[in-house]
Amino acid sequence: ILVQGNTVCVMGPYKGLKTARRVVEDCIKNVHPIYHIKSLMIRKELANDPRLANENWERFLPNFKKRNVQSRRPSAEEKEKARQKSASPFPPSQTPRKE
């Protein structure tokens, strides 16, 4: 996979092209490619094991959870206090000189 700006160049078999396309499209959607790379590495190892060839691999693949951190919205009182503090067009009075 070669990425330069918004242009992507991929070479390989059709199955690999489909996988690379999915990785690149998620990168454009702001999903880090390491999530796909980890699952691809695990699938490659599972494909080599003849006992697990006919089983469901979902239990081995990682499940990444979205972590949306909600920022606290300031209450109406806090907004009003901030607006009142900055409402004066004059600068604050000068502090007395230390002697």
Protein backbone atom coordinates (compact mmCIF):
# COMPACT_ATOMS: atom_id res chain seq x y z
CA ILE A 1 0.00 0.00 0.00
CA LEU A 2 1.38 3.38 -1.00
CA VAL A 3 -0.35 6.51 0.31
CA GLN A 4 0.48 10.02 -0.87
CA GLY A 5 -2.01 12.65 0.23
CA ASN A 6 -5.48 11.62 -0.94
CA THR A 7 -4.08 9.14 -3.50
CA VAL A 8 -3.65 5.44 -2.67
CA CYS A 9 -1.86 2.82 -4.75
CA VAL A 10 -2.29 -0.87 -3.95
CA MET A 11 -0.89 -3.98 -5.67
CA GLY A 12 -1.75 -7.58 -5.00
CA PRO A 13 -4.42 -10.25 -5.42
CA TYR A 14 -8.11 -9.31 -5.53
CA LYS A 15 -8.77 -10.46 -1.96
CA GLY A 16 -5.89 -8.32 -0.73
CA LEU A 17 -7.20 -5.34 -2.68
CA LYS A 18 -10.60 -5.66 -0.99
CA THR A 19 -8.94 -5.76 2.42
CA ALA A 20 -6.72 -2.79 1.63
CA ARG A 21 -9.72 -0.84 0.38
CA ARG A 22 -11.54 -1.42 3.66
CA VAL A 23 -8.47 -0.26 5.65
CA VAL A 24 -8.01 2.87 3.53
CA GLU A 25 -11.70 3.81 3.65
CA ASP A 26 -11.68 3.54 7.45
CA CYS A 27 -8.50 5.65 7.56
CA ILE A 28 -10.38 8.35 5.68
CA LYS A 29 -13.15 8.00 8.29
CA ASN A 30 -10.48 8.68 10.95
CA VAL A 31 -10.08 5.07 12.17
CA HIS A 32 -6.48 4.13 12.89
CA PRO A 33 -5.19 1.29 10.66
CA ILE A 34 -3.66 -0.60 13.60
CA TYR A 35 -7.13 -1.96 14.45
CA HIS A 36 -7.37 -3.63 11.03
CA ILE A 37 -3.74 -4.76 11.05
CA LYS A 38 -4.20 -6.57 14.38
CA SER A 39 -7.24 -8.47 13.16
CA LEU A 40 -5.47 -9.33 9.86
CA MET A 41 -2.49 -10.74 11.75
CA ILE A 42 -4.78 -12.86 13.94
CA ARG A 43 -6.71 -14.14 10.91
CA LYS A 44 -3.45 -15.10 9.21
CA GLU A 45 -2.41 -17.17 12.23
CA LEU A 46 -5.85 -18.81 12.46
CA ALA A 47 -5.76 -19.73 8.77
CA ASN A 48 -2.56 -21.69 9.34
CA ASP A 49 -4.15 -23.83 12.10
CA PRO A 50 -5.98 -26.81 10.50
CA ARG A 51 -8.09 -27.48 13.65
CA LEU A 52 -9.64 -23.98 13.55
CA ALA A 53 -10.09 -23.81 9.77
CA ASN A 54 -13.82 -24.68 9.91
CA GLU A 55 -14.72 -22.82 13.12
CA ASN A 56 -16.00 -19.33 13.76
CA TRP A 57 -13.11 -16.94 14.47
CA GLU A 58 -15.16 -14.16 16.08
CA ARG A 59 -14.08 -15.21 19.59
CA PHE A 60 -10.41 -14.69 18.69
CA LEU A 61 -10.76 -11.32 16.96
CA PRO A 62 -10.50 -8.17 19.09
CA ASN A 63 -13.57 -6.04 19.75
CA PHE A 64 -12.55 -2.40 19.92
CA LYS A 65 -14.97 -0.10 21.69
CA LYS A 66 -15.54 3.52 20.82
CA ARG A 67 -14.57 5.84 23.63
CA ASN A 68 -16.35 9.15 23.29
CA VAL A 69 -15.35 11.41 26.14
CA GLN A 70 -18.13 13.86 26.84
CA SER A 71 -16.92 17.33 27.74
CA ARG A 72 -18.82 19.05 30.53
CA ARG A 73 -21.01 21.87 29.26
CA PRO A 74 -20.96 25.02 31.39
CA SER A 75 -24.24 25.70 33.16
CA ALA A 76 -26.35 28.79 32.55
CA GLU A 77 -25.11 30.36 35.81
CA GLU A 78 -21.45 29.93 34.82
CA LYS A 79 -22.15 31.44 31.39
CA GLU A 80 -23.89 34.41 33.00
CA LYS A 81 -21.00 35.01 35.43
CA ALA A 82 -18.45 34.85 32.62
CA ARG A 83 -20.49 37.26 30.52
CA GLN A 84 -20.84 39.71 33.41
CA LYS A 85 -17.10 39.67 34.12
CA SER A 86 -16.16 40.43 30.54
CA ALA A 87 -19.03 42.87 29.92
CA SER A 88 -17.13 45.98 31.10
CA PRO A 89 -15.44 47.91 28.25
CA PHE A 90 -12.94 49.48 30.68
CA PRO A 91 -9.77 47.76 31.92
CA PRO A 92 -9.52 46.87 35.62
CA SER A 93 -8.20 49.53 37.98
CA GLN A 94 -4.44 49.65 38.55
CA THR A 95 -3.11 47.89 41.65
CA PRO A 96 -1.19 50.05 44.17
CA ARG A 97 2.61 50.09 44.03
CA LYS A 98 4.53 47.96 46.55
CA GLU A 99 6.98 49.89 48.76
